Amino acid sequence: MAKQQEFQPDWFEGEVPGNSFRSIFKWGAVNEYKHPNRKLYKLMKQTFGLDDQWFEQKRNVGLDAVPENQPCKLAATHVAALTAIVGKENAHNDTYNRARIAYGKTMLDLMRLRYGILENLPDLVLWPRNRDDLRAITDYCEAHEIPLYIYGGGSSVSRGVEPVKGGVSLDMRVYLKRVLSFDERNQTITVEAGMSGPELERILRDAPNVLQAGQSYTAGHLPQSFEYSVVGGWVVTRGAGQNSTYYGKIEDIVIAQDYVCPGGRDLVTQDFPAAANGPDVDQIMMGAEGTFGILYSATLKVRKYLPENTRRFSFIFPDWEKAKDAAREIMQGEFGFPSVFRLSDPEETDVAMKLYGVDGTILDTLMSLRGFKPGQRCLMLGTADGEAGFSRHVKKMVTKISHKYGAMNSTGYVQKSWEHGRFRDPYMREDLQDYGIMIDTLECSVNWTNLEAVHTGVREFCHSRPDTICMTHMSHFYPQGCNLYFIFIAKMETLEEYSAYQRGILDNIQKYGATMSHHHGIGKSFAPWLEGDVGPEIMNLFKSLKHHFDPKNILNPGGTLGLDLTDEEKRFVKAR
C-alpha cells in the first residue's frame, strides 16, 4: 500500500505584483524564498495547537495594489521647488512610491501593510543625485519648516525611517552609492551613504581590478540585513555585523564622516586613526539616526580579505551554565577573539537542530547517548579569521576551553548550515505571517554580571503568554559582556496584541538592567524607554545637541531618540 504523502503548506512562491502591498513588505529579492522545513513546521503546529487544516488557507497575503488614495499635503509651490532641485524624474508623490519608503521591517510595519493600513507617508519622495542636492533640499526644507526624513536600505526594525510628520523623504539608494576615494596605504575607503553592503564587499574583495589595489580587502561588517542594508543605515544606528567580535561594530570601523546639517553648515571629520582634540565628534554623530544631520559619506577602515584562513567551529555543551562560563573564558583569555561567535540557549538550540537538519540524524542520536539532552544542551558556533597562524591559534584555544567545560564537537556541518542560511532566514517571516504566525526579534546589551537576570526575566515574560516560542542567543561578544538576542514566535494576528507584547518585553529588558539596544538603534519604537535607560542628564545633552544642529526640528521629527516626546509618552521602568 502506498504511503500517504505528508501534508505540506502551500508556501507562497507566486508572482508579486510590482505595485502591491506585498512588494513593499516582502523581505529581499522578489523571487527569493526560504520556507520552514518539515520539522520546524511540526514544532509550530505542536506549540500553537494547530492542525494541517489551519495551514490550508492563507490570510492577508497583500497582493492587492496600493490604492492611489493618499493625497499629497505639501503645498504645490513646495513640490515644484523641491522637484526643480533634483529633476522631475527624481521626485515622486504617488501613493505607491511614498508607501514604499515609509516603513522598515519591524513586525508593526509588516502587519500594517498586510492589513492595508497606510499612515505616516511622506508627502514627497526625492532621489538626491549628489551632495549639492542634499544641501539644497536641506536648506529649502529648513527655510519652510518642512519635515525631512532619510531612507537607506529599509531594513530598520525600530521605525527609524517612518515619516510620522509627513513632509519629504530622501531615498539615498538610487544615486548616492559611489566610491569617493580609496587609500591602500591607510587601508581606508570613502563611500556615499547609499552604498549597499553587497556592493561594498564586491568592490573591496575585487579591489585589485576595481580599485587597482595590491590585494583584496573587506570591511568585515556583515549584519543579517547585509544584502538589503546600506552603509549610511549602519552608521547612523551604530549597527553590528555578525563578525563584530573580531572586526568591531560599525563605530569601530568608521574613521571619518561628512554630514550636511541645517543652518547651511557642513560637518566633516578627519581620517586620523585617533586624536585627543576634545570629545569625539564621530562618535557623537553616529547613533543620532538622522536627527543632527544627513550623512553624505563615511570613511571606513578596511582589512585584508583572507578567506583561506577562516577556521570554523561548532560545539554542543551539556547545559547553559557551562556554555556561558566557556564563552566568558574565551573572551577573557587574552589570545585574540573569534570573528563570528554565537551561543544559543537550550530553547534556541532545540529549534536550531530542526532548522539545520540535525534533529533525528545520527549526530543527534550520538549527542543524546553522550548525555547532551534536548532541553538542556546548548549550541556554540563561530569562526576565527585573520592571519593564518592567528586564526589557527584562536580556534585551538576555543576548542581547548570548550572541551574544558564538557563540550563535544558537533562537526563543521552545523556551522556551515548556519552560514549558508544566515542572510536568508528573514524570508521565512512572510511564510509564517501568511498563516497568522508572527516572528520578531528584540535585542539588548548586557554585562556578564547581569546576563542571567536579563535572560531569565525577559524569557519569563515572553513565556507568560501561553504557547509562545522564545529563542535566545548571545552574540557580539566582549571581555565585559555580550549582546543578548531574543527571537519570539507566536500565533498573533492583531496589531494591538503585538504592540502590547512588544511593550512588555521592552519593559522587562529595562527592568532587569540591560540597555535598550545593542545594534538595532532606537528609532521611534524604543524611544519611550531611552531616558529611563540613559538617565535625564544624558537625555538633556542629546536635546542640547539636537537644538544646536537642528533648532527647527526638521530632521527625522516625531519621536526619534525620544527627542521630542512628551513626558506622558515616555515609559520608565525601575531597574532591580
Protein backbone atom coordinates (compact mmCIF):
# COMPACT_ATOMS: atom_id res chain seq x y z
CA MET A 1 0.00 0.00 0.00
CA ALA A 2 1.41 3.38 -0.99
CA LYS A 3 2.43 5.64 1.89
CA GLN A 4 0.16 8.67 2.24
CA GLN A 5 2.04 11.86 1.37
CA GLU A 6 2.61 14.13 4.36
CA PHE A 7 0.77 17.45 4.21
CA GLN A 8 2.88 20.49 3.40
CA PRO A 9 1.52 24.06 3.42
CA ASP A 10 1.35 25.80 0.07
CA TRP A 11 4.11 28.27 0.86
CA PHE A 12 3.83 31.33 -1.34
CA GLU A 13 6.07 31.45 -4.42
CA GLY A 14 3.77 33.26 -6.79
CA GLU A 15 4.33 36.42 -8.74
CA VAL A 16 4.38 39.52 -6.56
CA PRO A 17 2.70 42.43 -8.38
CA GLY A 18 5.03 45.39 -8.60
CA ASN A 19 2.55 47.86 -7.09
CA SER A 20 1.23 45.60 -4.32
CA PHE A 21 1.46 45.78 -0.54
CA ARG A 22 3.42 42.51 -0.59
CA SER A 23 6.07 44.03 -2.85
CA ILE A 24 6.73 46.51 -0.02
CA PHE A 25 6.69 44.21 3.00
CA LYS A 26 8.40 41.22 1.37
CA TRP A 27 11.96 40.68 2.52
CA GLY A 28 14.72 40.83 -0.08
CA ALA A 29 14.55 39.79 -3.70
CA VAL A 30 11.07 39.50 -5.15
CA ASN A 31 11.70 35.99 -6.49
CA GLU A 32 13.62 34.58 -3.50
CA TYR A 33 12.09 32.45 -0.72
CA LYS A 34 13.06 30.28 2.23
CA HIS A 35 10.37 28.03 3.66
CA PRO A 36 10.19 26.34 7.08
CA ASN A 37 11.28 22.73 6.82
CA ARG A 38 9.03 19.87 7.93
CA LYS A 39 10.49 19.64 11.43
CA LEU A 40 10.05 23.33 12.10
CA TYR A 41 6.52 23.17 10.68
CA LYS A 42 5.71 20.27 13.02
CA LEU A 43 7.12 22.21 16.01
CA MET A 44 4.89 25.19 15.26
CA LYS A 45 1.80 23.01 14.99
CA GLN A 46 2.58 21.39 18.33
CA THR A 47 3.41 24.66 20.10
CA PHE A 48 0.43 26.63 18.84
CA GLY A 49 -2.10 23.79 18.98
CA LEU A 50 -2.77 23.87 15.24
CA ASP A 51 -3.51 21.17 12.71
CA ASP A 52 -2.91 20.93 8.97
CA GLN A 53 -6.32 22.44 8.30
CA TRP A 54 -5.15 25.75 9.78
CA PHE A 55 -2.50 25.92 7.05
CA GLU A 56 -4.88 25.33 4.17
CA GLN A 57 -5.97 28.97 3.96
CA LYS A 58 -3.62 31.97 3.75
CA ARG A 59 -4.50 35.27 5.40
CA ASN A 60 -3.89 38.82 4.18
CA VAL A 61 -1.21 37.93 1.63
CA GLY A 62 -1.05 41.53 0.45
CA LEU A 63 -1.34 41.05 -3.30
CA ASP A 64 -3.78 43.94 -3.69
CA ALA A 65 -2.49 47.08 -5.35
CA VAL A 66 -1.65 50.00 -3.12
CA PRO A 67 -4.59 52.36 -3.75
CA GLU A 68 -3.93 55.85 -5.03
CA ASN A 69 -5.89 57.39 -2.16
CA GLN A 70 -3.33 59.29 -0.11
CA PRO A 71 -3.24 62.94 -1.21
CA CYS A 72 -0.01 64.89 -1.06
CA LYS A 73 -0.47 67.54 1.64
CA LEU A 74 2.59 69.54 0.70
CA ALA A 75 1.79 72.84 -0.99
CA ALA A 76 2.17 72.79 -4.76
CA THR A 77 4.76 75.56 -4.58
CA HIS A 78 6.96 73.42 -2.31
CA VAL A 79 6.55 70.37 -4.53
CA ALA A 80 7.57 72.41 -7.57
CA ALA A 81 10.59 73.96 -5.85
CA LEU A 82 11.91 70.66 -4.49
CA THR A 83 11.28 68.92 -7.80
CA ALA A 84 13.32 71.58 -9.53
CA ILE A 85 16.30 70.73 -7.33
CA VAL A 86 16.50 67.04 -8.26
CA GLY A 87 14.69 66.96 -11.62
CA LYS A 88 11.19 65.74 -12.42
CA GLU A 89 12.29 62.13 -12.89
CA ASN A 90 13.66 62.08 -9.32
CA ALA A 91 10.60 63.42 -7.50
CA HIS A 92 7.55 61.26 -6.70
CA ASN A 93 4.29 61.98 -4.92
CA ASP A 94 2.21 58.97 -6.00
CA THR A 95 0.98 56.81 -3.13
CA TYR A 96 2.96 53.66 -4.01
CA ASN A 97 6.36 55.36 -4.13
CA ARG A 98 5.58 57.18 -0.91
CA ALA A 99 4.43 53.99 0.86
CA ARG A 100 7.46 52.10 -0.43
CA ILE A 101 9.86 54.09 1.72
CA ALA A 102 7.59 54.92 4.66
CA TYR A 103 8.18 51.65 6.50
CA GLY A 104 11.02 49.45 7.69
CA LYS A 105 10.90 45.75 8.56
CA THR A 106 9.65 45.59 12.12
CA MET A 107 6.57 43.42 12.60
CA LEU A 108 4.46 46.52 13.21
CA ASP A 109 5.38 47.73 9.72
CA LEU A 110 4.67 44.37 8.10
CA MET A 111 1.33 43.88 9.85
CA ARG A 112 0.08 47.34 8.91
CA LEU A 113 0.93 46.75 5.27
CA ARG A 114 -0.73 43.31 5.29
CA TYR A 115 -3.93 44.88 6.59
CA GLY A 116 -3.75 47.67 4.02
CA ILE A 117 -3.16 50.35 6.65
CA LEU A 118 -1.45 53.36 5.10
CA GLU A 119 -0.38 56.00 7.59
CA ASN A 120 2.53 58.34 8.16
CA LEU A 121 3.50 58.57 4.49
CA PRO A 122 5.86 61.28 3.27
CA ASP A 123 4.20 63.81 1.00
CA LEU A 124 7.08 63.78 -1.45
CA VAL A 125 9.92 61.33 -2.20
CA LEU A 126 13.13 62.73 -3.63
CA TRP A 127 16.11 60.90 -5.10
CA PRO A 128 19.11 63.16 -4.41
CA ARG A 129 21.86 62.81 -7.01
CA ASN A 130 24.81 64.33 -5.17
CA ARG A 131 25.90 66.34 -2.16
CA ASP A 132 24.74 69.60 -3.74
CA ASP A 133 21.20 68.20 -3.90
CA LEU A 134 21.34 67.30 -0.21
CA ARG A 135 22.46 70.82 0.64
CA ALA A 136 19.76 72.49 -1.45
CA ILE A 137 16.98 70.20 -0.14
CA THR A 138 18.03 70.71 3.48
CA ASP A 139 18.20 74.49 3.08
CA TYR A 140 14.78 74.65 1.44
CA CYS A 141 13.11 72.38 4.00
CA GLU A 142 14.63 74.33 6.87
CA ALA A 143 13.55 77.68 5.42
CA HIS A 144 9.96 76.43 5.12
CA GLU A 145 9.99 74.14 8.19
CA ILE A 146 9.20 71.01 6.17
CA PRO A 147 9.96 67.70 7.95
CA LEU A 148 12.83 65.81 6.30
CA TYR A 149 13.42 62.05 6.63
CA ILE A 150 16.13 59.74 5.28
CA TYR A 151 15.62 56.26 3.83
CA GLY A 152 18.55 53.92 3.23
CA GLY A 153 18.09 50.19 2.75
CA GLY A 154 14.76 49.98 4.56
CA SER A 155 15.78 47.19 6.96
CA SER A 156 15.10 49.23 10.11
CA VAL A 157 13.36 47.29 12.90
CA SER A 158 12.87 50.34 15.14
CA ARG A 159 10.62 52.55 12.95
CA GLY A 160 13.69 54.64 12.29
CA VAL A 161 12.63 55.74 8.79
CA GLU A 162 8.90 56.31 9.35
CA PRO A 163 7.92 59.91 8.40
CA VAL A 164 5.33 60.41 11.11
CA LYS A 165 5.12 64.16 10.40
CA GLY A 166 4.80 63.83 6.62
CA GLY A 167 6.98 66.15 4.61
CA VAL A 168 9.86 64.86 2.47
CA SER A 169 11.73 61.55 2.44
CA LEU A 170 15.06 61.11 0.66
CA ASP A 171 15.81 57.75 -0.95
CA MET A 172 19.60 57.51 -0.73
CA ARG A 173 19.94 54.20 -2.62
CA VAL A 174 19.27 55.44 -6.12
CA TYR A 175 22.32 57.62 -6.82
CA LEU A 176 24.38 58.05 -3.67
CA LYS A 177 26.27 54.77 -3.87
CA ARG A 178 29.68 55.70 -5.28
CA VAL A 179 33.24 55.17 -4.09
CA LEU A 180 34.71 58.62 -3.47
CA SER A 181 38.25 57.56 -2.60
CA PHE A 182 40.40 54.58 -1.66
CA ASP A 183 43.71 54.77 0.18
CA GLU A 184 45.51 51.45 0.27
CA ARG A 185 48.40 52.81 2.31
CA ASN A 186 45.96 53.86 5.06
CA GLN A 187 43.63 50.91 4.40
CA THR A 188 40.54 53.16 4.12
CA ILE A 189 37.72 53.61 1.65
CA THR A 190 35.28 56.53 1.45
CA VAL A 191 31.82 55.76 0.07
CA GLU A 192 28.50 57.55 -0.22
CA ALA A 193 25.88 56.67 2.36
CA GLY A 194 23.57 54.82 -0.04
CA MET A 195 26.07 52.12 -0.99
CA SER A 196 24.72 48.64 -0.23
CA GLY A 197 26.55 46.01 1.77
CA PRO A 198 26.97 43.56 -1.15
CA GLU A 199 28.28 46.29 -3.46
CA LEU A 200 30.79 47.49 -0.88
CA GLU A 201 32.11 43.97 -0.33
CA ARG A 202 32.15 43.23 -4.07
CA ILE A 203 34.33 46.28 -4.67
CA LEU A 204 36.66 45.56 -1.77
CA ARG A 205 37.07 41.86 -2.49
CA ASP A 206 37.76 42.65 -6.15
CA ALA A 207 39.98 45.60 -5.22
CA PRO A 208 42.90 44.56 -7.49
CA ASN A 209 40.63 45.01 -10.52
CA VAL A 210 38.19 47.70 -9.35
CA LEU A 211 40.49 49.88 -7.26
CA GLN A 212 43.88 48.89 -8.72
CA ALA A 213 44.90 47.66 -5.26
CA GLY A 214 47.63 45.20 -4.41
CA GLN A 215 45.22 42.71 -2.84
CA SER A 216 41.63 42.05 -1.75
CA TYR A 217 40.00 43.72 1.26
CA THR A 218 36.87 43.55 3.41
CA ALA A 219 35.05 45.94 5.72
CA GLY A 220 34.21 42.99 7.97
CA HIS A 221 30.67 44.30 8.53
CA LEU A 222 28.10 41.61 7.68
CA PRO A 223 24.78 42.10 9.52
CA GLN A 224 21.89 39.71 8.89
CA SER A 225 20.37 42.51 6.82
CA PHE A 226 23.63 42.70 4.83
CA GLU A 227 22.06 42.07 1.41
CA TYR A 228 19.44 44.81 1.85
CA SER A 229 21.02 47.48 4.04
CA VAL A 230 23.33 50.39 3.26
CA VAL A 231 26.41 51.96 4.79
CA GLY A 232 24.52 55.05 5.96
CA GLY A 233 22.00 52.97 7.88
CA TRP A 234 24.76 51.01 9.57
CA VAL A 235 26.48 54.20 10.69
CA VAL A 236 23.56 56.25 11.99
CA THR A 237 22.17 53.34 14.05
CA ARG A 238 25.54 52.08 15.36
CA GLY A 239 24.94 48.71 13.72
CA ALA A 240 26.85 45.46 14.20
CA GLY A 241 27.75 42.73 11.75
CA GLN A 242 27.80 39.04 12.56
CA ASN A 243 31.64 39.11 12.56
CA SER A 244 31.78 42.02 15.01
CA THR A 245 33.55 40.16 17.82
CA TYR A 246 36.72 40.39 15.70
CA TYR A 247 36.12 43.33 13.33
CA GLY A 248 34.12 45.51 15.75
CA LYS A 249 30.80 47.29 15.43
CA ILE A 250 30.40 49.97 12.80
CA GLU A 251 31.58 52.69 15.22
CA ASP A 252 34.89 50.80 15.39
CA ILE A 253 35.12 50.70 11.59
CA VAL A 254 34.17 54.30 10.72
CA ILE A 255 37.14 56.68 10.80
CA ALA A 256 35.62 59.86 9.29
CA GLN A 257 32.24 61.23 8.17
CA ASP A 258 30.69 64.00 6.09
CA TYR A 259 27.32 65.44 7.14
CA VAL A 260 25.03 68.03 5.60
CA CYS A 261 23.45 69.90 8.52
CA PRO A 262 20.77 72.57 8.80
CA GLY A 263 21.82 76.20 9.05
CA GLY A 264 23.87 75.92 5.87
CA ARG A 265 26.56 74.06 7.82
CA ASP A 266 28.69 71.10 6.84
CA LEU A 267 30.30 68.81 9.40
CA VAL A 268 33.32 66.93 8.05
CA THR A 269 35.68 64.99 10.31
CA GLN A 270 39.29 63.98 9.61
CA ASP A 271 40.51 60.48 8.84
CA PHE A 272 43.12 60.07 11.57
CA PRO A 273 43.21 56.76 13.48
CA ALA A 274 42.99 58.58 16.82
CA ALA A 275 43.08 62.06 18.28
CA ALA A 276 42.82 63.92 21.59
CA ASN A 277 41.09 67.00 20.21
CA GLY A 278 38.24 67.12 22.71
CA PRO A 279 35.15 64.87 22.59
CA ASP A 280 34.99 62.53 19.61
CA VAL A 281 32.62 64.14 17.12
CA ASP A 282 32.43 60.99 15.00
CA GLN A 283 31.02 59.11 17.98
CA ILE A 284 28.56 61.94 18.71
CA MET A 285 27.18 61.80 15.18
CA MET A 286 27.00 58.03 14.93
CA GLY A 287 23.80 56.81 16.51
CA ALA A 288 21.99 60.12 16.02
CA GLU A 289 19.73 58.41 13.45
CA GLY A 290 19.47 61.36 11.10
CA THR A 291 18.41 63.87 13.76
CA PHE A 292 21.60 66.02 13.73
CA GLY A 293 22.45 65.96 10.04
CA ILE A 294 22.25 63.95 6.82
CA LEU A 295 25.17 61.57 6.39
CA TYR A 296 26.57 62.02 2.88
CA SER A 297 29.64 59.80 3.09
CA ALA A 298 31.69 57.71 5.51
CA THR A 299 35.33 56.70 5.50
CA LEU A 300 35.74 53.12 6.66
CA LYS A 301 38.73 51.13 7.82
CA VAL A 302 39.25 48.06 5.67
CA ARG A 303 41.04 44.81 6.46
CA LYS A 304 42.81 42.25 4.35
CA TYR A 305 40.40 39.70 2.94
CA LEU A 306 41.83 36.26 3.81
CA PRO A 307 39.02 33.70 3.45
CA GLU A 308 41.53 30.88 3.07
CA ASN A 309 42.45 31.39 6.73
CA THR A 310 38.90 31.14 8.12
CA ARG A 311 38.61 28.38 10.72
CA ARG A 312 35.08 27.21 11.57
CA PHE A 313 33.97 25.59 14.82
CA SER A 314 30.80 24.36 16.50
CA PHE A 315 30.29 22.67 19.85
CA ILE A 316 27.45 21.27 21.91
CA PHE A 317 27.57 21.98 25.65
CA PRO A 318 25.71 19.88 28.21
CA ASP A 319 23.96 22.89 29.76
CA TRP A 320 23.57 26.68 29.71
CA GLU A 321 25.76 27.37 32.75
CA LYS A 322 28.80 25.57 31.35
CA ALA A 323 28.28 27.18 27.94
CA LYS A 324 28.14 30.70 29.43
CA ASP A 325 31.26 30.11 31.51
CA ALA A 326 33.13 28.85 28.46
CA ALA A 327 32.10 31.88 26.39
CA ARG A 328 33.28 34.29 29.08
CA GLU A 329 36.61 32.50 29.45
CA ILE A 330 37.13 32.58 25.68
CA MET A 331 36.56 36.33 25.60
CA GLN A 332 38.80 36.95 28.60
CA GLY A 333 41.54 34.55 27.52
CA GLU A 334 43.91 37.18 26.04
CA PHE A 335 44.65 35.05 22.96
CA GLY A 336 42.54 37.04 20.47
CA PHE A 337 38.86 36.94 19.60
CA PRO A 338 36.78 34.78 17.28
CA SER A 339 35.09 36.54 14.39
CA VAL A 340 31.60 35.06 14.27
CA PHE A 341 30.78 33.93 17.81
CA ARG A 342 27.30 32.77 18.80
CA LEU A 343 25.90 30.78 21.71
CA SER A 344 22.29 29.56 21.72
CA ASP A 345 20.33 28.77 24.87
CA PRO A 346 18.56 25.38 25.19
CA GLU A 347 15.30 26.50 23.56
CA GLU A 348 17.04 28.06 20.58
CA THR A 349 19.36 25.07 20.31
CA ASP A 350 16.42 22.68 20.01
CA VAL A 351 14.89 24.83 17.26
CA ALA A 352 18.28 25.17 15.54
CA MET A 353 18.67 21.39 15.43
CA LYS A 354 15.43 21.27 13.46
CA LEU A 355 16.24 24.26 11.28
CA TYR A 356 19.71 22.97 10.35
CA GLY A 357 18.51 19.42 9.70
CA VAL A 358 20.33 17.81 12.64
CA ASP A 359 17.25 16.71 14.59
CA GLY A 360 16.68 12.96 14.13
CA THR A 361 20.05 12.30 12.49
CA ILE A 362 22.91 10.07 13.66
CA LEU A 363 24.63 13.15 15.07
CA ASP A 364 21.53 13.94 17.13
CA THR A 365 21.41 10.37 18.44
CA LEU A 366 25.11 10.48 19.31
CA MET A 367 24.62 13.70 21.27
CA SER A 368 21.78 12.19 23.30
CA LEU A 369 23.73 9.00 24.01
CA ARG A 370 26.61 11.08 25.34
CA GLY A 371 24.33 12.98 27.71
CA PHE A 372 23.65 16.11 25.66
CA LYS A 373 19.90 16.12 26.12
CA PRO A 374 17.25 18.18 24.32
CA GLY A 375 16.02 20.99 26.53
CA GLN A 376 19.43 21.29 28.22
CA ARG A 377 22.15 21.27 25.56
CA CYS A 378 23.48 24.48 24.04
CA LEU A 379 25.00 25.15 20.63
CA MET A 380 28.07 27.33 20.19
CA LEU A 381 29.33 28.12 16.71
CA GLY A 382 31.64 30.57 15.04
CA THR A 383 34.73 31.29 13.01
CA ALA A 384 38.24 32.59 13.52
CA ASP A 385 39.61 35.00 10.91
CA GLY A 386 42.83 36.87 10.20
CA GLU A 387 46.40 35.79 9.60
CA ALA A 388 46.75 32.01 9.26
CA GLY A 389 48.67 31.43 12.47
CA PHE A 390 46.36 33.73 14.42
CA SER A 391 43.11 32.14 13.25
CA ARG A 392 44.53 28.65 13.80
CA HIS A 393 45.54 29.56 17.36
CA VAL A 394 42.18 31.17 18.17
CA LYS A 395 40.32 28.05 17.06
CA LYS A 396 42.72 25.88 19.05
CA MET A 397 42.08 27.88 22.22
CA VAL A 398 38.31 27.97 21.67
CA THR A 399 38.40 24.19 21.30
CA LYS A 400 40.54 23.73 24.42
CA ILE A 401 38.26 25.88 26.60
CA SER A 402 35.08 24.31 25.19
CA HIS A 403 36.35 20.82 25.98
CA LYS A 404 37.30 22.00 29.48
CA TYR A 405 33.61 22.77 30.07
CA GLY A 406 32.43 19.42 28.78
CA ALA A 407 31.54 20.31 25.19
CA MET A 408 31.70 17.93 22.25
CA ASN A 409 32.46 18.87 18.68
CA SER A 410 29.31 19.00 16.58
CA THR A 411 31.18 18.86 13.26
CA GLY A 412 31.52 21.61 10.67
CA TYR A 413 28.12 20.71 9.24
CA VAL A 414 26.23 22.76 11.81
CA GLN A 415 28.38 25.85 11.32
CA LYS A 416 28.16 25.60 7.53
CA SER A 417 24.37 25.13 7.68
CA TRP A 418 24.03 28.30 9.76
CA GLU A 419 26.42 30.17 7.48
CA HIS A 420 24.54 29.08 4.38
CA GLY A 421 21.24 30.44 5.71
CA ARG A 422 22.34 33.38 7.82
CA PHE A 423 21.20 36.06 5.36
CA ARG A 424 18.14 34.11 4.21
CA ASP A 425 16.28 33.37 7.46
CA PRO A 426 14.21 36.62 7.27
CA TYR A 427 12.49 35.23 4.16
CA MET A 428 10.56 32.83 6.42
CA ARG A 429 8.69 35.68 8.08
CA GLU A 430 6.32 36.10 5.14
CA ASP A 431 5.60 32.37 5.05
CA LEU A 432 4.66 32.30 8.72
CA GLN A 433 2.66 35.50 8.69
CA ASP A 434 0.64 34.23 5.72
CA TYR A 435 -0.84 31.81 8.27
CA GLY A 436 -1.18 34.19 11.21
CA ILE A 437 2.12 33.33 12.90
CA MET A 438 4.40 36.17 13.92
CA ILE A 439 8.18 36.01 14.28
CA ASP A 440 10.10 39.02 15.52
CA THR A 441 13.23 39.98 17.45
CA LEU A 442 14.43 42.28 20.20
CA GLU A 443 17.97 42.61 21.49
CA CYS A 444 19.91 44.33 24.25
CA SER A 445 23.39 44.65 25.70
CA VAL A 446 24.36 43.02 29.00
CA ASN A 447 27.47 42.53 31.07
CA TRP A 448 28.49 39.18 32.49
CA THR A 449 27.14 40.10 35.93
CA ASN A 450 23.56 40.85 34.88
CA LEU A 451 23.38 38.45 31.92
CA GLU A 452 21.42 35.74 33.69
CA ALA A 453 18.97 38.09 35.38
CA VAL A 454 18.11 39.61 31.98
CA HIS A 455 17.96 36.23 30.23
CA THR A 456 15.72 34.70 32.88
CA GLY A 457 13.49 37.73 33.50
CA VAL A 458 12.79 38.58 29.86
CA ARG A 459 12.13 34.96 28.94
CA GLU A 460 9.74 34.59 31.87
CA PHE A 461 7.70 37.45 30.47
CA CYS A 462 7.85 36.06 26.92
CA HIS A 463 6.59 32.68 28.14
CA SER A 464 3.90 34.29 30.30
CA ARG A 465 1.99 34.39 27.04
CA PRO A 466 0.93 30.73 26.54
CA ASP A 467 2.12 28.76 23.53
CA THR A 468 4.98 31.08 22.62
CA ILE A 469 8.46 30.14 21.44
CA CYS A 470 11.25 32.37 22.78
CA MET A 471 14.67 31.55 21.35
CA THR A 472 17.65 33.40 22.78
CA HIS A 473 21.31 33.60 21.86
CA MET A 474 24.41 35.50 22.89
CA SER A 475 26.38 37.21 20.12
CA HIS A 476 28.64 40.23 19.54
CA PHE A 477 30.89 39.30 22.46
CA TYR A 478 33.28 41.38 24.57
CA PRO A 479 35.51 40.63 27.56
CA GLN A 480 32.94 42.55 29.64
CA GLY A 481 29.71 41.04 28.27
CA CYS A 482 27.71 40.46 25.12
CA ASN A 483 24.59 41.13 23.11
CA LEU A 484 21.53 39.13 24.16
CA TYR A 485 19.15 38.48 21.27
CA PHE A 486 15.55 37.30 21.69
CA ILE A 487 13.55 35.76 18.83
CA PHE A 488 9.89 35.10 19.60
CA ILE A 489 7.39 33.15 17.52
CA ALA A 490 3.68 33.22 18.34
CA LYS A 491 0.26 32.82 16.80
CA MET A 492 -0.62 36.50 16.87
CA GLU A 493 -2.74 38.33 14.33
CA THR A 494 -3.70 41.74 15.71
CA LEU A 495 -1.67 44.92 15.90
CA GLU A 496 -2.93 45.60 19.41
CA GLU A 497 -1.76 42.24 20.74
CA TYR A 498 1.64 42.56 19.08
CA SER A 499 2.19 46.12 20.36
CA ALA A 500 1.27 45.17 23.93
CA TYR A 501 3.58 42.13 23.83
CA GLN A 502 6.49 44.15 22.48
CA ARG A 503 5.97 46.82 25.16
CA GLY A 504 6.09 44.13 27.82
CA ILE A 505 9.38 42.75 26.54
CA LEU A 506 10.92 46.23 26.41
CA ASP A 507 9.67 46.92 29.94
CA ASN A 508 11.42 43.79 31.15
CA ILE A 509 14.64 44.50 29.27
CA GLN A 510 14.82 47.78 31.19
CA LYS A 511 13.53 46.29 34.44
CA TYR A 512 16.40 43.82 34.60
CA GLY A 513 19.07 46.40 33.82
CA ALA A 514 20.05 45.84 30.18
CA THR A 515 20.45 48.56 27.56
CA MET A 516 17.52 49.13 25.21
CA SER A 517 19.59 48.32 22.12
CA HIS A 518 22.99 46.95 21.21
CA HIS A 519 22.84 47.41 17.44
CA HIS A 520 19.27 47.88 16.17
CA GLY A 521 19.20 51.53 17.14
CA ILE A 522 16.37 53.30 18.99
CA GLY A 523 14.20 54.89 16.30
CA LYS A 524 10.63 55.65 17.30
CA SER A 525 9.77 52.16 18.59
CA PHE A 526 12.16 52.08 21.53
CA ALA A 527 12.41 55.84 22.13
CA PRO A 528 9.92 55.95 25.03
CA TRP A 529 12.32 53.83 27.11
CA LEU A 530 15.52 55.72 26.25
CA GLU A 531 15.50 58.30 29.02
CA GLY A 532 14.88 55.56 31.56
CA ASP A 533 17.95 53.81 30.16
CA VAL A 534 20.49 56.63 29.86
CA GLY A 535 19.11 58.99 32.54
CA PRO A 536 17.83 62.59 32.39
CA GLU A 537 21.25 64.28 32.23
CA ILE A 538 22.36 62.37 29.13
CA MET A 539 18.91 62.87 27.60
CA ASN A 540 19.24 66.61 28.16
CA LEU A 541 22.64 66.51 26.46
CA PHE A 542 21.07 64.79 23.43
CA LYS A 543 18.41 67.51 23.31
CA SER A 544 21.04 70.25 23.52
CA LEU A 545 22.91 68.74 20.60
CA LYS A 546 19.65 68.49 18.65
CA HIS A 547 18.94 72.18 19.30
CA HIS A 548 22.45 73.09 18.16
CA PHE A 549 22.33 71.13 14.92
CA ASP A 550 18.63 71.43 14.08
CA PRO A 551 16.83 74.18 16.04
CA LYS A 552 13.72 73.98 13.85
CA ASN A 553 13.46 70.18 14.34
CA ILE A 554 13.08 69.34 10.66
CA LEU A 555 15.32 66.23 10.69
CA ASN A 556 13.50 62.97 11.50
CA PRO A 557 10.97 64.51 13.93
CA GLY A 558 8.21 62.64 15.68
CA GLY A 559 9.83 60.66 18.46
CA THR A 560 13.18 59.50 17.09
CA LEU A 561 15.56 59.00 20.04
CA GLY A 562 12.81 60.44 22.23
CA LEU A 563 13.99 63.96 21.41
CA ASP A 564 10.51 65.42 21.03
CA LEU A 565 8.38 63.07 23.14
CA THR A 566 6.16 64.43 25.88
CA ASP A 567 6.58 63.13 29.43
CA GLU A 568 3.29 61.25 29.03
CA GLU A 569 4.70 59.33 26.05
CA LYS A 570 7.79 58.11 27.92
CA ARG A 571 8.00 54.82 29.80
CA PHE A 572 10.11 54.41 32.93
CA VAL A 573 10.69 51.00 34.48
CA LYS A 574 12.75 50.86 37.65
CA ALA A 575 15.73 48.52 37.32
CA ARG A 576 16.31 45.98 40.06
